[in-house]
PDB file of N, CA and C in Angstrom:
ATOM      1  N   MET A   1     134.000  76.256 164.633  1.00  0.00           N
ATOM      2  CA  MET A   1     134.511  75.882 165.766  1.00  0.00           C
ATOM      3  C   MET A   1     134.076  73.816 166.063  1.00  0.00           C
ATOM      4  N   SER A   2     135.211  73.227 165.683  1.00  0.00           N
ATOM      5  CA  SER A   2     134.587  71.971 166.002  1.00  0.00           C
ATOM      6  C   SER A   2     136.748  71.117 166.202  1.00  0.00           C
ATOM      7  N   THR A   3     136.080  70.135 166.297  1.00  0.00           N
ATOM      8  CA  THR A   3     137.299  69.350 166.823  1.00  0.00           C
ATOM      9  C   THR A   3     137.383  68.009 165.837  1.00  0.00           C
ATOM     10  N   GLN A   4     138.280  66.639 166.378  1.00  0.00           N
ATOM     11  CA  GLN A   4     137.822  65.727 165.186  1.00  0.00           C
ATOM     12  C   GLN A   4     138.420  64.266 166.020  1.00  0.00           C
ATOM     13  N   ILE A   5     138.118  63.207 165.749  1.00  0.00           N
ATOM     14  CA  ILE A   5     139.581  62.213 166.668  1.00  0.00           C
ATOM     15  C   ILE A   5     139.508  61.644 165.418  1.00  0.00           C
ATOM     16  N   VAL A   6     140.555  61.039 165.569  1.00  0.00           N
ATOM     17  CA  VAL A   6     141.404  59.954 164.550  1.00  0.00           C
ATOM     18  C   VAL A   6     141.544  58.386 165.481  1.00  0.00           C
ATOM     19  N   ILE A   7     141.096  57.411 165.028  1.00  0.00           N
ATOM     20  CA  ILE A   7     140.989  56.316 165.444  1.00  0.00           C
ATOM     21  C   ILE A   7     142.271  54.847 164.517  1.00  0.00           C
ATOM     22  N   SER A   8     143.092  54.660 165.613  1.00  0.00           N
ATOM     23  CA  SER A   8     144.306  54.057 164.946  1.00  0.00           C
ATOM     24  C   SER A   8     144.605  52.487 166.280  1.00  0.00           C
ATOM     25  N   ILE A   9     145.313  51.809 165.258  1.00  0.00           N
ATOM     26  CA  ILE A   9     145.326  50.226 165.533  1.00  0.00           C
ATOM     27  C   ILE A   9     147.292  50.893 165.250  1.00  0.00           C
ATOM     28  N   ASN A  10     147.759  49.939 166.111  1.00  0.00           N
ATOM     29  CA  ASN A  10     149.440  50.118 166.499  1.00  0.00           C
ATOM     30  C   ASN A  10     149.941  51.628 165.610  1.00  0.00           C
ATOM     31  N   GLY A  11     149.406  52.767 165.641  1.00  0.00           N
ATOM     32  CA  GLY A  11     149.648  53.722 165.403  1.00  0.00           C
ATOM     33  C   GLY A  11     148.937  53.562 163.813  1.00  0.00           C
ATOM     34  N   GLN A  12     148.801  53.316 162.909  1.00  0.00           N
ATOM     35  CA  GLN A  12     148.320  53.186 161.597  1.00  0.00           C
ATOM     36  C   GLN A  12     146.223  54.058 161.867  1.00  0.00           C
ATOM     37  N   ASP A  13     146.319  54.960 160.964  1.00  0.00           N
ATOM     38  CA  ASP A  13     145.252  55.024 161.097  1.00  0.00           C
ATOM     39  C   ASP A  13     144.308  54.496 160.309  1.00  0.00           C
ATOM     40  N   VAL A  14     143.084  54.338 161.145  1.00  0.00           N
ATOM     41  CA  VAL A  14     141.858  53.651 160.281  1.00  0.00           C
ATOM     42  C   VAL A  14     140.379  54.157 160.587  1.00  0.00           C
ATOM     43  N   ARG A  15     140.487  55.318 160.775  1.00  0.00           N
ATOM     44  CA  ARG A  15     139.181  55.968 160.915  1.00  0.00           C
ATOM     45  C   ARG A  15     139.494  57.767 161.596  1.00  0.00           C
ATOM     46  N   THR A  16     138.897  58.882 160.288  1.00  0.00           N
ATOM     47  CA  THR A  16     138.555  59.962 161.235  1.00  0.00           C
ATOM     48  C   THR A  16     137.133  60.631 160.976  1.00  0.00           C
ATOM     49  N   ILE A  17     136.665  60.863 161.977  1.00  0.00           N
ATOM     50  CA  ILE A  17     135.991  61.093 162.621  1.00  0.00           C
ATOM     51  C   ILE A  17     136.031  63.570 162.841  1.00  0.00           C
ATOM     52  N   THR A  18     134.865  63.374 161.855  1.00  0.00           N
ATOM     53  CA  THR A  18     135.938  65.793 161.848  1.00  0.00           C
ATOM     54  C   THR A  18     134.301  65.955 161.581  1.00  0.00           C
ATOM     55  N   ASN A  19     134.826  66.852 161.576  1.00  0.00           N
ATOM     56  CA  ASN A  19     133.491  67.910 162.136  1.00  0.00           C
ATOM     57  C   ASN A  19     132.440  68.216 163.810  1.00  0.00           C
ATOM     58  N   ILE A  20     133.297  67.773 164.711  1.00  0.00           N
ATOM     59  CA  ILE A  20     132.695  67.514 165.833  1.00  0.00           C
ATOM     60  C   ILE A  20     131.932  69.382 166.473  1.00  0.00           C
ATOM     61  N   PRO A  21     130.904  69.949 166.033  1.00  0.00           N
ATOM     62  CA  PRO A  21     131.176  70.550 167.262  1.00  0.00           C
ATOM     63  C   PRO A  21     131.776  70.348 168.539  1.00  0.00           C
ATOM     64  N   TRP A  22     132.397  71.872 169.072  1.00  0.00           N
ATOM     65  CA  TRP A  22     133.740  72.524 170.201  1.00  0.00           C
ATOM     66  C   TRP A  22     132.408  73.231 170.848  1.00  0.00           C
ATOM     67  N   ASN A  23     132.404  73.005 172.248  1.00  0.00           N
ATOM     68  CA  ASN A  23     132.432  74.056 173.458  1.00  0.00           C
ATOM     69  C   ASN A  23     133.033  73.840 173.990  1.00  0.00           C
ATOM     70  N   SER A  24     133.154  75.970 174.406  1.00  0.00           N
ATOM     71  CA  SER A  24     134.122  76.449 175.719  1.00  0.00           C
ATOM     72  C   SER A  24     133.826  75.378 176.977  1.00  0.00           C
ATOM     73  N   GLY A  25     135.131  74.385 177.662  1.00  0.00           N
ATOM     74  CA  GLY A  25     134.761  73.838 178.268  1.00  0.00           C
ATOM     75  C   GLY A  25     134.152  72.027 179.215  1.00  0.00           C
ATOM     76  N   MET A  26     134.555  71.458 177.253  1.00  0.00           N
ATOM     77  CA  MET A  26     133.990  70.544 176.814  1.00  0.00           C
ATOM     78  C   MET A  26     134.894  70.006 176.686  1.00  0.00           C
ATOM     79  N   ASN A  27     134.566  68.351 176.974  1.00  0.00           N
ATOM     80  CA  ASN A  27     136.280  67.159 177.882  1.00  0.00           C
ATOM     81  C   ASN A  27     135.979  66.384 176.148  1.00  0.00           C
ATOM     82  N   VAL A  28     136.794  65.493 176.031  1.00  0.00           N
ATOM     83  CA  VAL A  28     136.877  64.699 175.072  1.00  0.00           C
ATOM     84  C   VAL A  28     135.767  63.442 175.870  1.00  0.00           C
ATOM     85  N   GLN A  29     135.513  63.268 176.683  1.00  0.00           N
ATOM     86  CA  GLN A  29     133.675  62.677 176.807  1.00  0.00           C
ATOM     87  C   GLN A  29     133.006  62.474 176.238  1.00  0.00           C
ATOM     88  N   GLN A  30     132.821  63.774 176.240  1.00  0.00           N
ATOM     89  CA  GLN A  30     131.327  65.287 175.892  1.00  0.00           C
ATOM     90  C   GLN A  30     131.400  65.147 174.395  1.00  0.00           C
ATOM     91  N   ALA A  31     132.839  64.968 173.484  1.00  0.00           N
ATOM     92  CA  ALA A  31     132.988  65.179 171.975  1.00  0.00           C
ATOM     93  C   ALA A  31     132.213  63.985 171.621  1.00  0.00           C
ATOM     94  N   MET A  32     133.292  63.349 172.665  1.00  0.00           N
ATOM     95  CA  MET A  32     132.990  61.270 171.397  1.00  0.00           C
ATOM     96  C   MET A  32     131.825  61.434 171.663  1.00  0.00           C
ATOM     97  N   GLU A  33     130.337  61.360 172.581  1.00  0.00           N
ATOM     98  CA  GLU A  33     129.038  61.629 172.897  1.00  0.00           C
ATOM     99  C   GLU A  33     128.022  62.707 172.010  1.00  0.00           C
ATOM    100  N   SER A  34     129.121  63.343 171.548  1.00  0.00           N
ATOM    101  CA  SER A  34     128.788  64.406 170.275  1.00  0.00           C
ATOM    102  C   SER A  34     129.057  63.859 169.201  1.00  0.00           C
ATOM    103  N   ALA A  35     129.979  63.168 168.883  1.00  0.00           N
ATOM    104  CA  ALA A  35     130.025  62.446 167.729  1.00  0.00           C
ATOM    105  C   ALA A  35     129.108  61.276 167.095  1.00  0.00           C
ATOM    106  N   TYR A  36     128.623  60.679 168.028  1.00  0.00           N
ATOM    107  CA  TYR A  36     128.234  59.065 168.750  1.00  0.00           C
ATOM    108  C   TYR A  36     127.193  59.176 167.523  1.00  0.00           C
ATOM    109  N   GLY A  37     125.809  59.810 167.621  1.00  0.00           N
ATOM    110  CA  GLY A  37     125.034  60.004 166.535  1.00  0.00           C
ATOM    111  C   GLY A  37     125.426  59.433 165.367  1.00  0.00           C
ATOM    112  N   ASP A  38     126.007  60.238 164.832  1.00  0.00           N
ATOM    113  CA  ASP A  38     125.978  60.196 163.249  1.00  0.00           C
ATOM    114  C   ASP A  38     127.020  59.789 162.417  1.00  0.00           C
ATOM    115  N   SER A  39     127.922  59.469 163.253  1.00  0.00           N
ATOM    116  CA  SER A  39     129.463  58.595 162.643  1.00  0.00           C
ATOM    117  C   SER A  39     129.553  57.173 163.014  1.00  0.00           C
ATOM    118  N   GLY A  40     128.087  56.621 163.438  1.00  0.00           N
ATOM    119  CA  GLY A  40     128.606  55.242 163.592  1.00  0.00           C
ATOM    120  C   GLY A  40     129.523  54.200 163.751  1.00  0.00           C
ATOM    121  N   TYR A  41     130.092  54.818 164.916  1.00  0.00           N
ATOM    122  CA  TYR A  41     130.740  54.261 165.559  1.00  0.00           C
ATOM    123  C   TYR A  41     130.358  54.046 167.362  1.00  0.00           C
ATOM    124  N   GLY A  42     131.054  52.898 167.968  1.00  0.00           N
ATOM    125  CA  GLY A  42     130.166  52.520 169.421  1.00  0.00           C
ATOM    126  C   GLY A  42     131.768  52.950 170.369  1.00  0.00           C
ATOM    127  N   PHE A  43     131.569  52.534 171.632  1.00  0.00           N
ATOM    128  CA  PHE A  43     132.218  53.078 172.352  1.00  0.00           C
ATOM    129  C   PHE A  43     131.453  52.730 174.025  1.00  0.00           C
ATOM    130  N   VAL A  44     131.943  52.219 174.771  1.00  0.00           N
ATOM    131  CA  VAL A  44     131.944  52.272 176.130  1.00  0.00           C
ATOM    132  C   VAL A  44     133.254  52.698 177.262  1.00  0.00           C
ATOM    133  N   VAL A  45     132.850  53.416 178.054  1.00  0.00           N
ATOM    134  CA  VAL A  45     133.813  53.854 179.254  1.00  0.00           C
ATOM    135  C   VAL A  45     133.085  53.115 180.286  1.00  0.00           C
ATOM    136  N   GLN A  46     134.759  52.996 181.113  1.00  0.00           N
ATOM    137  CA  GLN A  46     134.509  52.578 182.552  1.00  0.00           C
ATOM    138  C   GLN A  46     134.857  52.733 183.623  1.00  0.00           C
ATOM    139  N   TYR A  47     134.334  53.818 184.483  1.00  0.00           N
ATOM    140  CA  TYR A  47     135.040  54.013 185.959  1.00  0.00           C
ATOM    141  C   TYR A  47     136.452  53.996 186.781  1.00  0.00           C
ATOM    142  N   PHE A  48     136.966  54.455 187.033  1.00  0.00           N
ATOM    143  CA  PHE A  48     137.953  53.335 187.765  1.00  0.00           C
ATOM    144  C   PHE A  48     138.013  54.253 189.417  1.00  0.00           C
ATOM    145  N   GLY A  49     136.955  54.925 189.339  1.00  0.00           N
ATOM    146  CA  GLY A  49     137.481  55.967 190.653  1.00  0.00           C
ATOM    147  C   GLY A  49     137.276  57.733 190.940  1.00  0.00           C
ATOM    148  N   ALA A  50     137.645  57.807 191.785  1.00  0.00           N
ATOM    149  CA  ALA A  50     137.604  59.631 191.720  1.00  0.00           C
ATOM    150  C   ALA A  50     138.608  59.987 191.292  1.00  0.00           C
ATOM    151  N   GLN A  51     140.526  58.515 191.708  1.00  0.00           N
ATOM    152  CA  GLN A  51     141.519  59.600 191.273  1.00  0.00           C
ATOM    153  C   GLN A  51     141.988  59.068 190.035  1.00  0.00           C
ATOM    154  N   LEU A  52     140.842  58.151 189.429  1.00  0.00           N
ATOM    155  CA  LEU A  52     141.445  57.317 188.231  1.00  0.00           C
ATOM    156  C   LEU A  52     140.050  58.135 186.936  1.00  0.00           C
ATOM    157  N   GLY A  53     139.410  58.389 187.470  1.00  0.00           N
ATOM    158  CA  GLY A  53     138.128  58.681 186.898  1.00  0.00           C
ATOM    159  C   GLY A  53     137.458  57.783 185.917  1.00  0.00           C
ATOM    160  N   TYR A  54     136.893  58.637 184.425  1.00  0.00           N
ATOM    161  CA  TYR A  54     136.780  57.280 182.847  1.00  0.00           C
ATOM    162  C   TYR A  54     137.640  56.664 182.104  1.00  0.00           C
ATOM    163  N   GLU A  55     137.454  55.616 181.332  1.00  0.00           N
ATOM    164  CA  GLU A  55     138.836  55.108 180.776  1.00  0.00           C
ATOM    165  C   GLU A  55     137.907  54.545 179.519  1.00  0.00           C
ATOM    166  N   LEU A  56     138.094  54.974 177.858  1.00  0.00           N
ATOM    167  CA  LEU A  56     136.976  54.571 177.764  1.00  0.00           C
ATOM    168  C   LEU A  56     138.267  53.025 177.689  1.00  0.00           C
ATOM    169  N   ILE A  57     137.188  51.563 176.870  1.00  0.00           N
ATOM    170  CA  ILE A  57     137.732  50.219 177.185  1.00  0.00           C
ATOM    171  C   ILE A  57     137.419  49.709 175.980  1.00  0.00           C
ATOM    172  N   THR A  58     136.293  50.458 175.405  1.00  0.00           N
ATOM    173  CA  THR A  58     135.562  49.578 173.549  1.00  0.00           C
ATOM    174  C   THR A  58     135.674  50.649 173.118  1.00  0.00           C
ATOM    175  N   LEU A  59     136.025  50.588 171.497  1.00  0.00           N
ATOM    176  CA  LEU A  59     135.888  51.726 170.669  1.00  0.00           C
ATOM    177  C   LEU A  59     136.288  50.856 169.293  1.00  0.00           C
ATOM    178  N   ASP A  60     135.113  50.738 168.484  1.00  0.00           N
ATOM    179  CA  ASP A  60     134.250  50.207 167.250  1.00  0.00           C
ATOM    180  C   ASP A  60     134.891  48.553 167.471  1.00  0.00           C
ATOM    181  N   GLY A  61     134.086  48.213 168.424  1.00  0.00           N
ATOM    182  CA  GLY A  61     134.446  47.017 169.133  1.00  0.00           C
ATOM    183  C   GLY A  61     135.535  46.146 169.483  1.00  0.00           C
ATOM    184  N   ILE A  62     136.194  46.789 169.461  1.00  0.00           N
ATOM    185  CA  ILE A  62     137.498  46.769 170.019  1.00  0.00           C
ATOM    186  C   ILE A  62     137.792  46.655 171.072  1.00  0.00           C
ATOM    187  N   THR A  63     137.844  45.951 172.007  1.00  0.00           N
ATOM    188  CA  THR A  63     137.645  45.899 173.774  1.00  0.00           C
ATOM    189  C   THR A  63     139.775  46.060 174.139  1.00  0.00           C
ATOM    190  N   SER A  64     139.792  46.805 175.178  1.00  0.00           N
ATOM    191  CA  SER A  64     140.929  46.448 175.418  1.00  0.00           C
ATOM    192  C   SER A  64     141.432  45.056 175.977  1.00  0.00           C
ATOM    193  N   GLN A  65     142.464  44.163 175.828  1.00  0.00           N
ATOM    194  CA  GLN A  65     142.813  43.247 176.073  1.00  0.00           C
ATOM    195  C   GLN A  65     143.710  43.147 177.611  1.00  0.00           C
ATOM    196  N   ASN A  66     143.657  42.075 178.992  1.00  0.00           N
ATOM    197  CA  ASN A  66     144.287  42.445 179.330  1.00  0.00           C
ATOM    198  C   ASN A  66     144.862  40.943 180.297  1.00  0.00           C
ATOM    199  N   GLY A  67     146.210  40.554 179.072  1.00  0.00           N
ATOM    200  CA  GLY A  67     146.144  39.075 179.714  1.00  0.00           C
ATOM    201  C   GLY A  67     147.366  38.710 180.342  1.00  0.00           C
ATOM    202  N   SER A  68     147.892  37.513 180.424  1.00  0.00           N
ATOM    203  CA  SER A  68     148.854  37.651 181.246  1.00  0.00           C
ATOM    204  C   SER A  68     150.061  38.195 180.153  1.00  0.00           C
ATOM    205  N   ASP A  69     150.050  37.893 179.772  1.00  0.00           N
ATOM    206  CA  ASP A  69     151.360  37.811 179.001  1.00  0.00           C
ATOM    207  C   ASP A  69     151.528  39.296 178.167  1.00  0.00           C
ATOM    208  N   GLU A  70     150.242  39.554 177.434  1.00  0.00           N
ATOM    209  CA  GLU A  70     150.484  40.957 176.703  1.00  0.00           C
ATOM    210  C   GLU A  70     148.627  41.956 177.055  1.00  0.00           C
ATOM    211  N   TYR A  71     149.140  43.385 177.626  1.00  0.00           N
ATOM    212  CA  TYR A  71     147.931  44.254 177.774  1.00  0.00           C
ATOM    213  C   TYR A  71     147.802  44.991 177.009  1.00  0.00           C
ATOM    214  N   LEU A  72     146.673  45.089 175.919  1.00  0.00           N
ATOM    215  CA  LEU A  72     146.688  46.163 174.393  1.00  0.00           C
ATOM    216  C   LEU A  72     145.678  47.092 175.337  1.00  0.00           C
ATOM    217  N   PHE A  73     145.666  48.208 175.014  1.00  0.00           N
ATOM    218  CA  PHE A  73     144.889  49.080 175.639  1.00  0.00           C
ATOM    219  C   PHE A  73     144.539  49.973 174.792  1.00  0.00           C
ATOM    220  N   TRP A  74     143.568  51.610 175.056  1.00  0.00           N
ATOM    221  CA  TRP A  74     143.469  52.632 174.078  1.00  0.00           C
ATOM    222  C   TRP A  74     143.847  53.636 174.393  1.00  0.00           C
ATOM    223  N   GLN A  75     144.836  54.166 173.728  1.00  0.00           N
ATOM    224  CA  GLN A  75     145.875  55.232 174.471  1.00  0.00           C
ATOM    225  C   GLN A  75     145.358  56.413 174.468  1.00  0.00           C
ATOM    226  N   LEU A  76     144.752  57.435 174.647  1.00  0.00           N
ATOM    227  CA  LEU A  76     144.191  58.540 174.877  1.00  0.00           C
ATOM    228  C   LEU A  76     145.351  59.559 174.023  1.00  0.00           C
ATOM    229  N   SER A  77     145.228  59.730 173.398  1.00  0.00           N
ATOM    230  CA  SER A  77     146.382  61.483 173.048  1.00  0.00           C
ATOM    231  C   SER A  77     146.100  63.117 172.377  1.00  0.00           C
ATOM    232  N   ILE A  78     145.723  64.305 172.680  1.00  0.00           N
ATOM    233  CA  ILE A  78     145.591  65.516 172.508  1.00  0.00           C
ATOM    234  C   ILE A  78     146.899  66.300 171.379  1.00  0.00           C
ATOM    235  N   ASN A  79     146.439  66.268 170.175  1.00  0.00           N
ATOM    236  CA  ASN A  79     147.640  67.252 169.555  1.00  0.00           C
ATOM    237  C   ASN A  79     148.603  66.179 169.738  1.00  0.00           C
ATOM    238  N   GLY A  80     149.065  64.506 169.580  1.00  0.00           N
ATOM    239  CA  GLY A  80     149.985  63.850 169.595  1.00  0.00           C
ATOM    240  C   GLY A  80     150.712  63.779 171.006  1.00  0.00           C
ATOM    241  N   ASP A  81     150.247  64.504 171.816  1.00  0.00           N
ATOM    242  CA  ASP A  81     150.483  64.373 173.383  1.00  0.00           C
ATOM    243  C   ASP A  81     149.648  63.615 174.120  1.00  0.00           C
ATOM    244  N   VAL A  82     150.528  62.004 174.534  1.00  0.00           N
ATOM    245  CA  VAL A  82     149.321  61.277 175.296  1.00  0.00           C
ATOM    246  C   VAL A  82     148.915  61.927 176.767  1.00  0.00           C
ATOM    247  N   ALA A  83     147.463  62.142 176.645  1.00  0.00           N
ATOM    248  CA  ALA A  83     146.885  62.302 178.080  1.00  0.00           C
ATOM    249  C   ALA A  83     147.326  61.445 179.484  1.00  0.00           C
ATOM    250  N   HIS A  84     147.249  62.668 180.378  1.00  0.00           N
ATOM    251  CA  HIS A  84     147.020  61.661 181.656  1.00  0.00           C
ATOM    252  C   HIS A  84     146.113  61.530 182.207  1.00  0.00           C
ATOM    253  N   GLN A  85     145.067  62.114 181.876  1.00  0.00           N
ATOM    254  CA  GLN A  85     144.053  61.827 182.960  1.00  0.00           C
ATOM    255  C   GLN A  85     142.809  61.204 182.474  1.00  0.00           C
ATOM    256  N   GLY A  86     141.702  61.076 182.899  1.00  0.00           N
ATOM    257  CA  GLY A  86     140.645  60.512 182.395  1.00  0.00           C
ATOM    258  C   GLY A  86     139.571  61.140 181.592  1.00  0.00           C
ATOM    259  N   ILE A  87     139.021  60.917 180.107  1.00  0.00           N
ATOM    260  CA  ILE A  87     138.619  60.895 178.866  1.00  0.00           C
ATOM    261  C   ILE A  87     137.584  62.174 179.929  1.00  0.00           C
ATOM    262  N   ASP A  88     136.437  62.141 181.339  1.00  0.00           N
ATOM    263  CA  ASP A  88     135.861  63.308 181.184  1.00  0.00           C
ATOM    264  C   ASP A  88     137.116  64.120 181.958  1.00  0.00           C
ATOM    265  N   GLU A  89     137.948  64.129 182.083  1.00  0.00           N
ATOM    266  CA  GLU A  89     139.109  65.195 182.969  1.00  0.00           C
ATOM    267  C   GLU A  89     139.807  66.227 181.749  1.00  0.00           C
ATOM    268  N   THR A  90     139.938  65.381 180.522  1.00  0.00           N
ATOM    269  CA  THR A  90     140.706  66.129 179.788  1.00  0.00           C
ATOM    270  C   THR A  90     140.041  67.107 178.974  1.00  0.00           C
ATOM    271  N   GLU A  91     140.175  68.043 179.299  1.00  0.00           N
ATOM    272  CA  GLU A  91     139.248  69.154 178.416  1.00  0.00           C
ATOM    273  C   GLU A  91     139.899  69.592 176.747  1.00  0.00           C
ATOM    274  N   LEU A  92     139.256  69.646 176.236  1.00  0.00           N
ATOM    275  CA  LEU A  92     140.150  70.514 174.357  1.00  0.00           C
ATOM    276  C   LEU A  92     139.844  71.940 174.837  1.00  0.00           C
ATOM    277  N   ASN A  93     140.502  72.080 173.490  1.00  0.00           N
ATOM    278  CA  ASN A  93     140.215  73.569 172.988  1.00  0.00           C
ATOM    279  C   ASN A  93     140.046  73.048 172.104  1.00  0.00           C
ATOM    280  N   ASP A  94     139.007  74.743 171.031  1.00  0.00           N
ATOM    281  CA  ASP A  94     138.548  74.642 169.775  1.00  0.00           C
ATOM    282  C   ASP A  94     139.801  74.092 168.590  1.00  0.00           C
ATOM    283  N   GLY A  95     139.553  73.284 167.503  1.00  0.00           N
ATOM    284  CA  GLY A  95     140.624  72.878 166.576  1.00  0.00           C
ATOM    285  C   GLY A  95     141.152  72.112 167.116  1.00  0.00           C
ATOM    286  N   ASP A  96     141.200  71.186 168.298  1.00  0.00           N
ATOM    287  CA  ASP A  96     141.620  69.906 169.029  1.00  0.00           C
ATOM    288  C   ASP A  96     141.482  68.248 168.221  1.00  0.00           C
ATOM    289  N   LEU A  97     142.635  67.889 168.460  1.00  0.00           N
ATOM    290  CA  LEU A  97     142.837  66.200 167.087  1.00  0.00           C
ATOM    291  C   LEU A  97     142.531  65.173 168.857  1.00  0.00           C
ATOM    292  N   ILE A  98     141.796  64.725 168.975  1.00  0.00           N
ATOM    293  CA  ILE A  98     141.177  63.770 169.798  1.00  0.00           C
ATOM    294  C   ILE A  98     141.972  62.532 168.960  1.00  0.00           C
ATOM    295  N   GLY A  99     143.003  61.648 169.812  1.00  0.00           N
ATOM    296  CA  GLY A  99     143.441  60.724 168.693  1.00  0.00           C
ATOM    297  C   GLY A  99     143.988  59.305 169.736  1.00  0.00           C
ATOM    298  N   TRP A 100     143.084  58.252 169.264  1.00  0.00           N
ATOM    299  CA  TRP A 100     142.830  57.241 170.205  1.00  0.00           C
ATOM    300  C   TRP A 100     143.916  56.007 169.159  1.00  0.00           C
ATOM    301  N   ASN A 101     144.607  54.930 169.670  1.00  0.00           N
ATOM    302  CA  ASN A 101     145.835  54.319 169.536  1.00  0.00           C
ATOM    303  C   ASN A 101     145.267  53.058 169.907  1.00  0.00           C
ATOM    304  N   TYR A 102     145.219  52.097 169.437  1.00  0.00           N
ATOM    305  CA  TYR A 102     144.987  50.582 169.991  1.00  0.00           C
ATOM    306  C   TYR A 102     146.721  50.174 170.164  1.00  0.00           C
ATOM    307  N   THR A 103     146.659  50.322 171.469  1.00  0.00           N
ATOM    308  CA  THR A 103     148.137  49.561 171.516  1.00  0.00           C
ATOM    309  C   THR A 103     148.681  49.168 172.314  1.00  0.00           C
ATOM    310  N   ARG A 104     150.078  48.611 172.471  1.00  0.00           N
ATOM    311  CA  ARG A 104     150.835  47.459 173.646  1.00  0.00           C
ATOM    312  C   ARG A 104     151.093  48.601 174.788  1.00  0.00           C
ATOM    313  N   TYR A 105     150.628  47.644 175.567  1.00  0.00           N
ATOM    314  CA  TYR A 105     151.341  48.324 177.129  1.00  0.00           C
ATOM    315  C   TYR A 105     152.922  47.898 177.554  1.00  0.00           C
ATOM    316  N   ILE A 106     153.488  49.191 176.781  1.00  0.00           N
ATOM    317  CA  ILE A 106     154.696  49.187 177.482  1.00  0.00           C
ATOM    318  C   ILE A 106     155.351  49.336 179.328  1.00  0.00           C
ATOM    319  N   GLU A 107     155.470  48.889 180.151  1.00  0.00           N
ATOM    320  CA  GLU A 107     155.183  48.642 181.976  1.00  0.00           C
ATOM    321  C   GLU A 107     156.901  49.771 181.526  1.00  0.00           C
ATOM    322  N   GLU A 108     157.793  50.061 180.917  1.00  0.00           N
ATOM    323  CA  GLU A 108     158.367  51.649 181.049  1.00  0.00           C
ATOM    324  C   GLU A 108     158.130  52.628 180.605  1.00  0.00           C
ATOM    325  N   GLN A 109     156.746  52.543 179.399  1.00  0.00           N
ATOM    326  CA  GLN A 109     156.510  53.387 178.997  1.00  0.00           C
ATOM    327  C   GLN A 109     155.215  53.795 180.179  1.00  0.00           C
ATOM    328  N   HIS A 110     154.317  52.773 180.419  1.00  0.00           N
ATOM    329  CA  HIS A 110     153.049  53.278 180.543  1.00  0.00           C
ATOM    330  C   HIS A 110     153.008  53.420 182.352  1.00  0.00           C
ATOM    331  N   GLY A 111     154.148  51.991 182.796  1.00  0.00           N
ATOM    332  CA  GLY A 111     153.416  51.709 184.490  1.00  0.00           C
ATOM    333  C   GLY A 111     153.496  52.904 185.333  1.00  0.00           C
ATOM    334  N   LYS A 112     154.513  54.086 184.992  1.00  0.00           N
ATOM    335  CA  LYS A 112     154.148  54.292 186.398  1.00  0.00           C
ATOM    336  C   LYS A 112     153.179  56.076 186.786  1.00  0.00           C
ATOM    337  N   GLY A 113     152.442  56.174 185.254  1.00  0.00           N
ATOM    338  CA  GLY A 113     151.180  57.024 185.346  1.00  0.00           C
ATOM    339  C   GLY A 113     149.875  56.239 185.917  1.00  0.00           C
ATOM    340  N   ARG A 114     149.154  56.835 185.431  1.00  0.00           N
ATOM    341  CA  ARG A 114     147.633  56.527 185.519  1.00  0.00           C
ATOM    342  C   ARG A 114     147.135  55.588 184.483  1.00  0.00           C
ATOM    343  N   ARG A 115     148.192  55.261 183.541  1.00  0.00           N
ATOM    344  CA  ARG A 115     147.507  54.177 183.072  1.00  0.00           C
ATOM    345  C   ARG A 115     148.453  52.285 183.375  1.00  0.00           C
ATOM    346  N   GLY A 116     149.720  52.175 184.345  1.00  0.00           N
ATOM    347  CA  GLY A 116     149.546  51.769 185.076  1.00  0.00           C
ATOM    348  C   GLY A 116     148.594  51.405 186.522  1.00  0.00           C
ATOM    349  N   ALA A 117     148.261  52.615 186.544  1.00  0.00           N
ATOM    350  CA  ALA A 117     147.224  52.527 188.228  1.00  0.00           C
ATOM    351  C   ALA A 117     146.029  51.745 187.558  1.00  0.00           C
ATOM    352  N   ILE A 118     145.418  51.905 186.557  1.00  0.00           N
ATOM    353  CA  ILE A 118     144.337  51.326 185.780  1.00  0.00           C
ATOM    354  C   ILE A 118     144.804  49.946 185.435  1.00  0.00           C
ATOM    355  N   ARG A 119     145.547  49.468 185.122  1.00  0.00           N
ATOM    356  CA  ARG A 119     146.104  48.012 185.101  1.00  0.00           C
ATOM    357  C   ARG A 119     146.378  47.378 185.814  1.00  0.00           C
ATOM    358  N   GLN A 120     146.453  47.913 187.593  1.00  0.00           N
ATOM    359  CA  GLN A 120     147.061  47.026 188.725  1.00  0.00           C
ATOM    360  C   GLN A 120     145.365  46.681 188.878  1.00  0.00           C
ATOM    361  N   ARG A 121     144.646  47.643 188.755  1.00  0.00           N
ATOM    362  CA  ARG A 121     143.132  47.594 189.166  1.00  0.00           C
ATOM    363  C   ARG A 121     142.835  46.844 188.257  1.00  0.00           C
ATOM    364  N   VAL A 122     142.684  47.260 187.194  1.00  0.00           N
ATOM    365  CA  VAL A 122     141.926  45.604 186.277  1.00  0.00           C
ATOM    366  C   VAL A 122     141.878  43.967 186.025  1.00  0.00           C
ATOM    367  N   ILE A 123     143.841  43.969 187.130  1.00  0.00           N
ATOM    368  CA  ILE A 123     144.295  43.056 187.232  1.00  0.00           C
ATOM    369  C   ILE A 123     143.629  42.219 188.371  1.00  0.00           C
ATOM    370  N   ARG A 124     142.948  43.804 189.712  1.00  0.00           N
ATOM    371  CA  ARG A 124     143.111  42.961 190.771  1.00  0.00           C
ATOM    372  C   ARG A 124     141.379  42.046 191.097  1.00  0.00           C
ATOM    373  N   THR A 125     140.428  42.431 189.896  1.00  0.00           N
ATOM    374  CA  THR A 125     139.401  42.547 189.579  1.00  0.00           C
ATOM    375  C   THR A 125     139.155  41.253 189.530  1.00  0.00           C
ATOM    376  N   GLN A 126     140.454  40.516 188.262  1.00  0.00           N
ATOM    377  CA  GLN A 126     140.152  39.772 187.099  1.00  0.00           C
ATOM    378  C   GLN A 126     140.117  38.646 188.710  1.00  0.00           C
ATOM    379  N   ARG A 127     141.459  38.279 189.401  1.00  0.00           N
ATOM    380  CA  ARG A 127     141.723  37.397 190.095  1.00  0.00           C
ATOM    381  C   ARG A 127     140.677  36.850 190.864  1.00  0.00           C
TER     382      ARG A 127
END
């Protein structure tokens, strides 16, 4: 019983972490913490309040970028489907594939959901 993590940049896989022990009720954050010791990768999460939960902001030394022209972020997917909850609320099943893709924020794709709310909160704190 295990899961794995695939790290991508603009859709190009750059790293895979396999054989992460899975337990019933495990969420993405717990899987990442479990993989942390043996895999040699690092990550940072930030709490965005009770409604939005925890969000990955840095992975393998690459941090989400919130500029005036472009916003790059780590998009979470499970088995290829974009996750709509925070890493602490996204529960895993045995064999799930956790995907992290460092990608460009596109208002039409990301602006109406959780990602748009997080971006707005980040912009407000930078002012």
